[in-house]
C-alpha atoms as a PDB file:
ATOM      1  CA  MET A   1      22.496  25.843  32.767  1.00  0.00           C
ATOM      2  CA  ALA A   2      18.769  26.461  33.209  1.00  0.00           C
ATOM      3  CA  ASP A   3      16.591  23.683  34.594  1.00  0.00           C
ATOM      4  CA  VAL A   4      14.645  22.187  31.685  1.00  0.00           C
ATOM      5  CA  THR A   5      11.442  21.195  33.450  1.00  0.00           C
ATOM      6  CA  LEU A   6       8.688  18.978  32.111  1.00  0.00           C
ATOM      7  CA  SER A   7       6.324  21.963  32.193  1.00  0.00           C
ATOM      8  CA  LEU A   8       8.732  23.975  30.072  1.00  0.00           C
ATOM      9  CA  ILE A   9       8.995  21.166  27.543  1.00  0.00           C
ATOM     10  CA  ALA A  10       5.169  20.906  27.491  1.00  0.00           C
ATOM     11  CA  LYS A  11       4.892  24.650  26.909  1.00  0.00           C
ATOM     12  CA  LEU A  12       7.274  24.498  23.972  1.00  0.00           C
ATOM     13  CA  ARG A  13       5.432  21.542  22.554  1.00  0.00           C
ATOM     14  CA  GLU A  14       2.167  23.452  22.839  1.00  0.00           C
ATOM     15  CA  MET A  15       3.699  26.401  20.996  1.00  0.00           C
ATOM     16  CA  THR A  16       5.247  24.331  18.210  1.00  0.00           C
ATOM     17  CA  ASN A  17       3.547  20.927  18.205  1.00  0.00           C
ATOM     18  CA  ALA A  18       7.045  19.381  17.914  1.00  0.00           C
ATOM     19  CA  GLY A  19       7.976  16.076  19.569  1.00  0.00           C
ATOM     20  CA  MET A  20       8.860  15.875  23.227  1.00  0.00           C
ATOM     21  CA  MET A  21      12.485  14.885  22.610  1.00  0.00           C
ATOM     22  CA  ASP A  22      12.915  17.601  19.990  1.00  0.00           C
ATOM     23  CA  CYS A  23      11.543  20.146  22.479  1.00  0.00           C
ATOM     24  CA  LYS A  24      13.852  18.955  25.234  1.00  0.00           C
ATOM     25  CA  LYS A  25      16.939  19.071  22.997  1.00  0.00           C
ATOM     26  CA  ALA A  26      16.089  22.584  21.780  1.00  0.00           C
ATOM     27  CA  LEU A  27      15.589  23.857  25.360  1.00  0.00           C
ATOM     28  CA  VAL A  28      18.838  22.314  26.528  1.00  0.00           C
ATOM     29  CA  GLU A  29      20.651  23.890  23.562  1.00  0.00           C
ATOM     30  CA  THR A  30      19.171  27.335  24.247  1.00  0.00           C
ATOM     31  CA  ASN A  31      19.656  27.126  28.037  1.00  0.00           C
ATOM     32  CA  GLY A  32      15.896  27.172  28.662  1.00  0.00           C
ATOM     33  CA  ASP A  33      15.143  30.201  26.424  1.00  0.00           C
ATOM     34  CA  LEU A  34      11.626  29.413  25.158  1.00  0.00           C
ATOM     35  CA  GLN A  35      11.594  31.770  22.177  1.00  0.00           C
ATOM     36  CA  ALA A  36      15.090  30.783  21.115  1.00  0.00           C
ATOM     37  CA  ALA A  37      14.021  27.130  21.342  1.00  0.00           C
ATOM     38  CA  VAL A  38      11.059  27.905  19.031  1.00  0.00           C
ATOM     39  CA  ASP A  39      13.522  29.400  16.535  1.00  0.00           C
ATOM     40  CA  VAL A  40      15.789  26.356  16.777  1.00  0.00           C
ATOM     41  CA  LEU A  41      12.890  24.044  16.059  1.00  0.00           C
ATOM     42  CA  ARG A  42      11.740  26.173  13.152  1.00  0.00           C
ATOM     43  CA  LYS A  43      15.196  26.205  11.625  1.00  0.00           C
ATOM     44  CA  ARG A  44      15.356  22.454  11.842  1.00  0.00           C
ATOM     45  CA  GLY A  45      11.924  22.046  10.294  1.00  0.00           C
ATOM     46  CA  ARG A  46      10.499  20.386  13.434  1.00  0.00           C
ATOM     47  CA  ALA A  47       7.995  23.120  14.343  1.00  0.00           C
ATOM     48  CA  SER A  48       6.805  23.729  10.810  1.00  0.00           C
ATOM     49  CA  ALA A  49       6.422  19.988  10.275  1.00  0.00           C
ATOM     50  CA  ALA A  50       4.230  19.610  13.309  1.00  0.00           C
ATOM     51  CA  LYS A  51       2.046  22.608  12.471  1.00  0.00           C
ATOM     52  CA  LYS A  52       1.569  21.370   8.896  1.00  0.00           C
ATOM     53  CA  ALA A  53       0.368  18.043  10.287  1.00  0.00           C
ATOM     54  CA  PHE A  54      -2.997  19.734  10.831  1.00  0.00           C
ATOM     55  CA  ARG A  55      -3.352  20.383   7.096  1.00  0.00           C
ATOM     56  CA  GLU A  56      -4.775  17.577   5.063  1.00  0.00           C
ATOM     57  CA  ALA A  57      -2.463  15.525   2.886  1.00  0.00           C
ATOM     58  CA  ARG A  58      -4.688  13.839   0.313  1.00  0.00           C
ATOM     59  CA  GLU A  59      -2.413  13.753  -2.731  1.00  0.00           C
ATOM     60  CA  GLY A  60       0.628  11.541  -2.940  1.00  0.00           C
ATOM     61  CA  VAL A  61       2.099   8.391  -4.497  1.00  0.00           C
ATOM     62  CA  ILE A  62       2.272   4.660  -4.146  1.00  0.00           C
ATOM     63  CA  VAL A  63       5.820   3.294  -4.066  1.00  0.00           C
ATOM     64  CA  GLN A  64       7.296  -0.191  -3.902  1.00  0.00           C
ATOM     65  CA  HIS A  65      10.664  -1.702  -3.270  1.00  0.00           C
ATOM     66  CA  ILE A  66      11.751  -5.281  -3.828  1.00  0.00           C
ATOM     67  CA  LEU A  67      14.954  -6.497  -2.196  1.00  0.00           C
ATOM     68  CA  PRO A  68      17.581  -8.390  -4.290  1.00  0.00           C
ATOM     69  CA  GLY A  69      16.455 -11.968  -4.744  1.00  0.00           C
ATOM     70  CA  ALA A  70      12.789 -10.929  -5.016  1.00  0.00           C
ATOM     71  CA  ARG A  71      11.803 -12.591  -1.749  1.00  0.00           C
ATOM     72  CA  VAL A  72      10.871  -9.433   0.141  1.00  0.00           C
ATOM     73  CA  GLY A  73       8.897  -6.429  -1.008  1.00  0.00           C
ATOM     74  CA  VAL A  74       7.182  -3.354   0.449  1.00  0.00           C
ATOM     75  CA  LEU A  75       4.259  -1.352  -0.851  1.00  0.00           C
ATOM     76  CA  ALA A  76       3.631   2.053   0.682  1.00  0.00           C
ATOM     77  CA  GLU A  77       1.311   5.074   0.323  1.00  0.00           C
ATOM     78  CA  ILE A  78       2.927   8.447   1.070  1.00  0.00           C
ATOM     79  CA  ASN A  79       0.726  11.503   1.056  1.00  0.00           C
ATOM     80  CA  CYS A  80       1.321  15.181   0.491  1.00  0.00           C
ATOM     81  CA  GLU A  81      -1.000  18.164  -0.031  1.00  0.00           C
ATOM     82  CA  THR A  82      -0.690  18.892  -3.756  1.00  0.00           C
ATOM     83  CA  ASP A  83      -0.238  16.969  -6.969  1.00  0.00           C
ATOM     84  CA  PHE A  84       2.587  19.416  -7.815  1.00  0.00           C
ATOM     85  CA  VAL A  85       4.701  18.067  -4.953  1.00  0.00           C
ATOM     86  CA  ALA A  86       3.649  14.470  -5.675  1.00  0.00           C
ATOM     87  CA  LYS A  87       5.213  14.808  -9.107  1.00  0.00           C
ATOM     88  CA  ASN A  88       8.410  16.432  -7.820  1.00  0.00           C
ATOM     89  CA  GLU A  89      11.561  14.405  -8.384  1.00  0.00           C
ATOM     90  CA  GLY A  90      12.905  15.165  -4.930  1.00  0.00           C
ATOM     91  CA  PHE A  91       9.658  13.977  -3.326  1.00  0.00           C
ATOM     92  CA  ARG A  92       9.665  10.838  -5.402  1.00  0.00           C
ATOM     93  CA  ALA A  93      13.276  10.133  -4.356  1.00  0.00           C
ATOM     94  CA  PHE A  94      12.260  10.570  -0.717  1.00  0.00           C
ATOM     95  CA  CYS A  95       9.357   8.121  -1.187  1.00  0.00           C
ATOM     96  CA  ASP A  96      11.652   5.568  -2.860  1.00  0.00           C
ATOM     97  CA  GLY A  97      14.068   5.924   0.078  1.00  0.00           C
ATOM     98  CA  VAL A  98      11.255   5.291   2.604  1.00  0.00           C
ATOM     99  CA  ALA A  99      10.111   2.169   0.736  1.00  0.00           C
ATOM    100  CA  LYS A 100      13.700   0.867   0.586  1.00  0.00           C
ATOM    101  CA  ALA A 101      14.252   1.478   4.309  1.00  0.00           C
ATOM    102  CA  LEU A 102      11.039  -0.325   5.239  1.00  0.00           C
ATOM    103  CA  ALA A 103      11.820  -3.219   2.950  1.00  0.00           C
ATOM    104  CA  ASN A 104      15.128  -3.702   4.723  1.00  0.00           C
ATOM    105  CA  ASP A 105      13.653  -3.156   8.200  1.00  0.00           C
ATOM    106  CA  PRO A 106       9.889  -2.845   8.836  1.00  0.00           C
ATOM    107  CA  GLN A 107      10.711  -1.111  12.159  1.00  0.00           C
ATOM    108  CA  ALA A 108      12.936   1.492  10.484  1.00  0.00           C
ATOM    109  CA  ASP A 109      12.544   5.037  11.829  1.00  0.00           C
ATOM    110  CA  VAL A 110      11.608   7.097   8.787  1.00  0.00           C
ATOM    111  CA  GLU A 111      10.320  10.082  10.792  1.00  0.00           C
ATOM    112  CA  PRO A 112      13.527  12.150  10.310  1.00  0.00           C
ATOM    113  CA  LEU A 113      13.157  11.713   6.528  1.00  0.00           C
ATOM    114  CA  ARG A 114       9.547  12.780   6.682  1.00  0.00           C
ATOM    115  CA  VAL A 115      10.300  15.894   8.754  1.00  0.00           C
ATOM    116  CA  GLU A 116      13.106  16.844   6.352  1.00  0.00           C
ATOM    117  CA  GLN A 117      10.737  16.484   3.427  1.00  0.00           C
ATOM    118  CA  VAL A 118       8.152  18.717   5.121  1.00  0.00           C
ATOM    119  CA  ALA A 119      10.799  21.396   5.490  1.00  0.00           C
ATOM    120  CA  LYS A 120      11.792  21.047   1.858  1.00  0.00           C
ATOM    121  CA  THR A 121       8.323  21.041   0.333  1.00  0.00           C
ATOM    122  CA  GLY A 122       6.456  23.279   2.785  1.00  0.00           C
ATOM    123  CA  GLU A 123       3.651  20.733   2.803  1.00  0.00           C
ATOM    124  CA  ASN A 124       2.286  18.171   5.210  1.00  0.00           C
ATOM    125  CA  VAL A 125       3.813  14.802   4.325  1.00  0.00           C
ATOM    126  CA  ARG A 126       2.751  11.530   5.888  1.00  0.00           C
ATOM    127  CA  LEU A 127       3.385   7.829   5.574  1.00  0.00           C
ATOM    128  CA  ALA A 128      -0.242   6.768   5.306  1.00  0.00           C
ATOM    129  CA  ARG A 129       0.369   2.986   5.300  1.00  0.00           C
ATOM    130  CA  PHE A 130       2.754   0.276   4.225  1.00  0.00           C
ATOM    131  CA  GLN A 131       2.802  -3.514   4.086  1.00  0.00           C
ATOM    132  CA  ARG A 132       5.718  -5.849   3.683  1.00  0.00           C
ATOM    133  CA  LEU A 133       5.486  -9.229   1.985  1.00  0.00           C
ATOM    134  CA  GLU A 134       8.072 -11.996   2.424  1.00  0.00           C
ATOM    135  CA  VAL A 135       8.065 -15.193   0.401  1.00  0.00           C
ATOM    136  CA  THR A 136       7.167 -18.378   2.224  1.00  0.00           C
ATOM    137  CA  GLY A 137       8.721 -21.434   0.519  1.00  0.00           C
ATOM    138  CA  ASN A 138       9.691 -21.224  -3.139  1.00  0.00           C
ATOM    139  CA  GLY A 139       8.481 -18.246  -5.090  1.00  0.00           C
ATOM    140  CA  ILE A 140       8.965 -14.543  -5.789  1.00  0.00           C
ATOM    141  CA  ILE A 141       7.524 -11.128  -4.917  1.00  0.00           C
ATOM    142  CA  ALA A 142       6.871  -8.829  -7.890  1.00  0.00           C
ATOM    143  CA  GLY A 143       5.677  -5.278  -7.979  1.00  0.00           C
ATOM    144  CA  TYR A 144       4.124  -2.785 -10.393  1.00  0.00           C
ATOM    145  CA  ILE A 145       3.462   0.953 -10.137  1.00  0.00           C
ATOM    146  CA  HIS A 146       0.996   2.277 -12.643  1.00  0.00           C
ATOM    147  CA  THR A 147       1.756   5.419 -14.609  1.00  0.00           C
ATOM    148  CA  GLY A 148       1.343   8.452 -12.343  1.00  0.00           C
ATOM    149  CA  ALA A 149       2.126   6.361  -9.228  1.00  0.00           C
ATOM    150  CA  LYS A 150      -1.468   6.472  -7.967  1.00  0.00           C
ATOM    151  CA  ILE A 151      -1.912   2.697  -8.029  1.00  0.00           C
ATOM    152  CA  GLY A 152       0.622   0.085  -6.962  1.00  0.00           C
ATOM    153  CA  VAL A 153       0.672  -3.691  -6.642  1.00  0.00           C
ATOM    154  CA  LEU A 154       2.719  -6.397  -4.945  1.00  0.00           C
ATOM    155  CA  VAL A 155       2.055 -10.113  -5.603  1.00  0.00           C
ATOM    156  CA  GLU A 156       3.566 -13.332  -4.240  1.00  0.00           C
ATOM    157  CA  VAL A 157       3.565 -16.266  -6.636  1.00  0.00           C
ATOM    158  CA  GLY A 158       4.879 -19.696  -5.738  1.00  0.00           C
ATOM    159  CA  ALA A 159       6.186 -22.637  -7.732  1.00  0.00           C
ATOM    160  CA  GLY A 160       7.309 -26.149  -6.879  1.00  0.00           C
ATOM    161  CA  ARG A 161      10.871 -26.002  -8.194  1.00  0.00           C
ATOM    162  CA  PRO A 162      13.438 -23.246  -7.600  1.00  0.00           C
ATOM    163  CA  ALA A 163      14.500 -23.375 -11.272  1.00  0.00           C
ATOM    164  CA  THR A 164      10.975 -22.503 -12.425  1.00  0.00           C
ATOM    165  CA  ILE A 165      11.056 -18.979 -11.002  1.00  0.00           C
ATOM    166  CA  GLU A 166      14.063 -18.244 -13.215  1.00  0.00           C
ATOM    167  CA  THR A 167      12.238 -19.082 -16.446  1.00  0.00           C
ATOM    168  CA  GLU A 168      10.992 -16.309 -18.697  1.00  0.00           C
ATOM    169  CA  GLY A 169       7.555 -17.930 -18.863  1.00  0.00           C
ATOM    170  CA  PHE A 170       7.135 -17.726 -15.113  1.00  0.00           C
ATOM    171  CA  LYS A 171       8.458 -14.164 -14.945  1.00  0.00           C
ATOM    172  CA  GLN A 172       6.112 -13.033 -17.718  1.00  0.00           C
ATOM    173  CA  LEU A 173       3.164 -14.652 -15.891  1.00  0.00           C
ATOM    174  CA  VAL A 174       3.991 -12.766 -12.719  1.00  0.00           C
ATOM    175  CA  ARG A 175       4.332  -9.466 -14.598  1.00  0.00           C
ATOM    176  CA  ASP A 176       0.963 -10.075 -16.247  1.00  0.00           C
ATOM    177  CA  LEU A 177      -0.614 -10.779 -12.826  1.00  0.00           C
ATOM    178  CA  THR A 178       0.588  -7.408 -11.433  1.00  0.00           C
ATOM    179  CA  LEU A 179      -1.004  -5.636 -14.409  1.00  0.00           C
ATOM    180  CA  GLN A 180      -4.194  -7.605 -13.988  1.00  0.00           C
ATOM    181  CA  ILE A 181      -4.469  -6.678 -10.287  1.00  0.00           C
ATOM    182  CA  ALA A 182      -3.810  -3.040 -11.026  1.00  0.00           C
ATOM    183  CA  ALA A 183      -6.422  -2.888 -13.780  1.00  0.00           C
ATOM    184  CA  ALA A 184      -9.197  -5.130 -12.459  1.00  0.00           C
ATOM    185  CA  ASN A 185      -8.935  -4.407  -8.680  1.00  0.00           C
ATOM    186  CA  PRO A 186      -9.777  -7.816  -7.211  1.00  0.00           C
ATOM    187  CA  LEU A 187     -10.458  -8.141  -3.494  1.00  0.00           C
ATOM    188  CA  ALA A 188      -9.016 -11.663  -3.011  1.00  0.00           C
ATOM    189  CA  VAL A 189      -7.109 -14.344  -4.863  1.00  0.00           C
ATOM    190  CA  SER A 190      -9.931 -16.871  -4.737  1.00  0.00           C
ATOM    191  CA  ARG A 191     -13.350 -17.428  -3.267  1.00  0.00           C
ATOM    192  CA  ASP A 192     -12.066 -19.124  -0.147  1.00  0.00           C
ATOM    193  CA  GLN A 193     -10.093 -15.987   0.757  1.00  0.00           C
ATOM    194  CA  LEU A 194     -13.165 -13.741   0.771  1.00  0.00           C
ATOM    195  CA  ASP A 195     -14.656 -12.710   4.056  1.00  0.00           C
ATOM    196  CA  PRO A 196     -17.603 -15.102   4.579  1.00  0.00           C
ATOM    197  CA  ALA A 197     -19.681 -12.204   5.869  1.00  0.00           C
ATOM    198  CA  MET A 198     -19.259 -10.458   2.541  1.00  0.00           C
ATOM    199  CA  VAL A 199     -20.538 -13.502   0.687  1.00  0.00           C
ATOM    200  CA  VAL A 200     -23.544 -13.770   2.995  1.00  0.00           C
ATOM    201  CA  LYS A 201     -24.309 -10.083   2.447  1.00  0.00           C
ATOM    202  CA  GLU A 202     -24.142 -10.461  -1.369  1.00  0.00           C
ATOM    203  CA  ARG A 203     -26.451 -13.456  -1.189  1.00  0.00           C
ATOM    204  CA  GLU A 204     -28.915 -11.497   0.901  1.00  0.00           C
ATOM    205  CA  ILE A 205     -28.814  -8.549  -1.510  1.00  0.00           C
ATOM    206  CA  GLY A 206     -29.327 -10.905  -4.480  1.00  0.00           C
ATOM    207  CA  ALA A 207     -32.312 -12.551  -2.790  1.00  0.00           C
ATOM    208  CA  GLU A 208     -33.874  -9.176  -1.947  1.00  0.00           C
ATOM    209  CA  GLN A 209     -33.530  -8.029  -5.571  1.00  0.00           C
ATOM    210  CA  VAL A 210     -35.530 -11.032  -6.866  1.00  0.00           C
ATOM    211  CA  LYS A 211     -37.940 -11.581  -3.948  1.00  0.00           C
ATOM    212  CA  ASN A 212     -40.939 -11.102  -6.273  1.00  0.00           C
ATOM    213  CA  LYS A 213     -39.830 -13.881  -8.656  1.00  0.00           C
ATOM    214  CA  PRO A 214     -41.339 -17.370  -8.458  1.00  0.00           C
ATOM    215  CA  PRO A 215     -39.902 -19.212  -5.417  1.00  0.00           C
ATOM    216  CA  GLN A 216     -38.518 -22.068  -7.579  1.00  0.00           C
ATOM    217  CA  ALA A 217     -36.472 -19.553  -9.646  1.00  0.00           C
ATOM    218  CA  ILE A 218     -35.065 -17.461  -6.812  1.00  0.00           C
ATOM    219  CA  ALA A 219     -32.301 -19.847  -5.772  1.00  0.00           C
ATOM    220  CA  LYS A 220     -30.978 -20.220  -9.321  1.00  0.00           C
ATOM    221  CA  ILE A 221     -31.044 -16.511  -9.953  1.00  0.00           C
ATOM    222  CA  VAL A 222     -29.293 -15.719  -6.666  1.00  0.00           C
ATOM    223  CA  GLU A 223     -26.554 -18.261  -7.422  1.00  0.00           C
ATOM    224  CA  GLY A 224     -26.125 -16.608 -10.839  1.00  0.00           C
ATOM    225  CA  LYS A 225     -25.704 -13.202  -9.213  1.00  0.00           C
ATOM    226  CA  LEU A 226     -23.241 -14.622  -6.762  1.00  0.00           C
ATOM    227  CA  GLU A 227     -21.189 -16.193  -9.546  1.00  0.00           C
ATOM    228  CA  LYS A 228     -21.011 -12.844 -11.284  1.00  0.00           C
ATOM    229  CA  PHE A 229     -19.867 -11.292  -7.994  1.00  0.00           C
ATOM    230  CA  PHE A 230     -17.048 -13.856  -7.724  1.00  0.00           C
ATOM    231  CA  GLN A 231     -15.988 -13.141 -11.283  1.00  0.00           C
ATOM    232  CA  THR A 232     -15.667  -9.477 -10.348  1.00  0.00           C
ATOM    233  CA  VAL A 233     -13.808  -9.661  -7.034  1.00  0.00           C
ATOM    234  CA  CYS A 234     -11.777 -12.910  -7.131  1.00  0.00           C
ATOM    235  CA  LEU A 235      -8.555 -12.692  -9.093  1.00  0.00           C
ATOM    236  CA  VAL A 236      -8.576 -16.261 -10.454  1.00  0.00           C
ATOM    237  CA  ASP A 237     -12.188 -15.917 -11.591  1.00  0.00           C
ATOM    238  CA  GLN A 238     -11.698 -12.599 -13.366  1.00  0.00           C
ATOM    239  CA  GLY A 239     -11.455 -12.435 -17.140  1.00  0.00           C
ATOM    240  CA  PHE A 240      -7.765 -12.224 -18.066  1.00  0.00           C
ATOM    241  CA  VAL A 241      -7.366  -8.625 -19.287  1.00  0.00           C
ATOM    242  CA  LYS A 242      -4.442  -9.407 -21.610  1.00  0.00           C
ATOM    243  CA  LYS A 243      -6.662 -11.911 -23.499  1.00  0.00           C
ATOM    244  CA  ASN A 244      -9.646  -9.527 -23.494  1.00  0.00           C
ATOM    245  CA  GLY A 245     -11.477 -11.677 -20.979  1.00  0.00           C
ATOM    246  CA  GLU A 246     -11.664 -14.699 -23.322  1.00  0.00           C
ATOM    247  CA  ILE A 247     -10.238 -16.905 -20.532  1.00  0.00           C
ATOM    248  CA  THR A 248     -10.055 -16.449 -16.790  1.00  0.00           C
ATOM    249  CA  VAL A 249      -6.900 -15.635 -14.869  1.00  0.00           C
ATOM    250  CA  GLY A 250      -7.063 -19.031 -13.283  1.00  0.00           C
ATOM    251  CA  GLU A 251      -7.201 -20.723 -16.676  1.00  0.00           C
ATOM    252  CA  HIS A 252      -4.229 -18.719 -17.871  1.00  0.00           C
ATOM    253  CA  VAL A 253      -2.192 -19.604 -14.768  1.00  0.00           C
ATOM    254  CA  ALA A 254      -3.092 -23.285 -15.313  1.00  0.00           C
ATOM    255  CA  ALA A 255      -2.003 -23.124 -18.972  1.00  0.00           C
ATOM    256  CA  VAL A 256       1.383 -21.621 -18.045  1.00  0.00           C
ATOM    257  CA  ALA A 257       1.835 -24.149 -15.268  1.00  0.00           C
ATOM    258  CA  LYS A 258       1.131 -26.998 -17.724  1.00  0.00           C
ATOM    259  CA  GLN A 259       3.582 -25.533 -20.244  1.00  0.00           C
ATOM    260  CA  LEU A 260       6.275 -25.373 -17.532  1.00  0.00           C
ATOM    261  CA  GLY A 261       5.344 -28.708 -16.004  1.00  0.00           C
ATOM    262  CA  GLU A 262       4.770 -27.014 -12.719  1.00  0.00           C
ATOM    263  CA  GLN A 263       2.414 -26.269  -9.888  1.00  0.00           C
ATOM    264  CA  ILE A 264       1.972 -22.478  -9.787  1.00  0.00           C
ATOM    265  CA  VAL A 265       0.064 -20.773  -6.970  1.00  0.00           C
ATOM    266  CA  ILE A 266      -0.895 -17.131  -6.521  1.00  0.00           C
ATOM    267  CA  ARG A 267      -0.470 -16.871  -2.791  1.00  0.00           C
ATOM    268  CA  ARG A 268      -1.436 -13.270  -2.019  1.00  0.00           C
ATOM    269  CA  PHE A 269      -1.344  -9.718  -3.299  1.00  0.00           C
ATOM    270  CA  LEU A 270      -1.564  -6.116  -2.261  1.00  0.00           C
ATOM    271  CA  ARG A 271      -3.151  -3.290  -4.220  1.00  0.00           C
ATOM    272  CA  PHE A 272      -2.902   0.298  -2.954  1.00  0.00           C
ATOM    273  CA  GLN A 273      -4.549   3.348  -4.502  1.00  0.00           C
ATOM    274  CA  VAL A 274      -3.849   6.862  -3.349  1.00  0.00           C
ATOM    275  CA  GLY A 275      -6.677   8.140  -1.140  1.00  0.00           C
ATOM    276  CA  GLU A 276      -8.093   4.763  -0.077  1.00  0.00           C
ATOM    277  CA  SER A 277      -6.760   5.231   3.449  1.00  0.00           C
ATOM    278  CA  PHE A 278      -8.977   8.289   3.870  1.00  0.00           C
ATOM    279  CA  ALA A 279     -12.078   6.353   2.920  1.00  0.00           C
ATOM    280  CA  ALA A 280     -11.247   3.468   5.211  1.00  0.00           C
END
């Protein structure tokens, strides 16, 4: 058997852009024959996958998976090159499989699935990002994928009593919250969750916009602008879309909580939109 040296592995990797271990296995299998090893990697989709990694994957989908019991959920963005592939049933099934694997184990190795999908689609495919939420205390994780799978949401909502999360009123509230987050794109649940630097910046911008106003009026105007900002980016301060903005989300949550005789808390949420990771 030929001696598979590190330099030979490096050469094969340079030729194919495949992983080190894939290169080593191919060289061992072909008894050190470089060209034969290239063919082996190509047949297995390893070489083509690596080469396609240099092409941009800016299309794709958002997928979610919630484990039984609704205490753990994953939201993921998986990219490909064309919208045609993003709509393909096989690609969607692959994405669902990745989300399920990561929900069960956030350290799951999904690279073999990705490489296989590259070979099937002929496009660069990448797991752009994912986040996993797990309930702390009593509550549930709920998810929503908007039509077209370009926007997805996970939300964690807590309640005081375990029985509450089984009621239809609570479940409907959580469903409505996922739709609200998808439609209105808040940045945080409430004001205290916002980055203080962001609030300072908004205050400075507001002051600059009205610097020519009478000094005694500036503070009041700036506070008004800041309030409008909070109503745009804070979930509980937003107008509740389902009620056409007649009440805030916070007021609606409070009304449902009163009806159920409960303390209901929106703990956190995730909102992914395809392409955001490129702008980040």
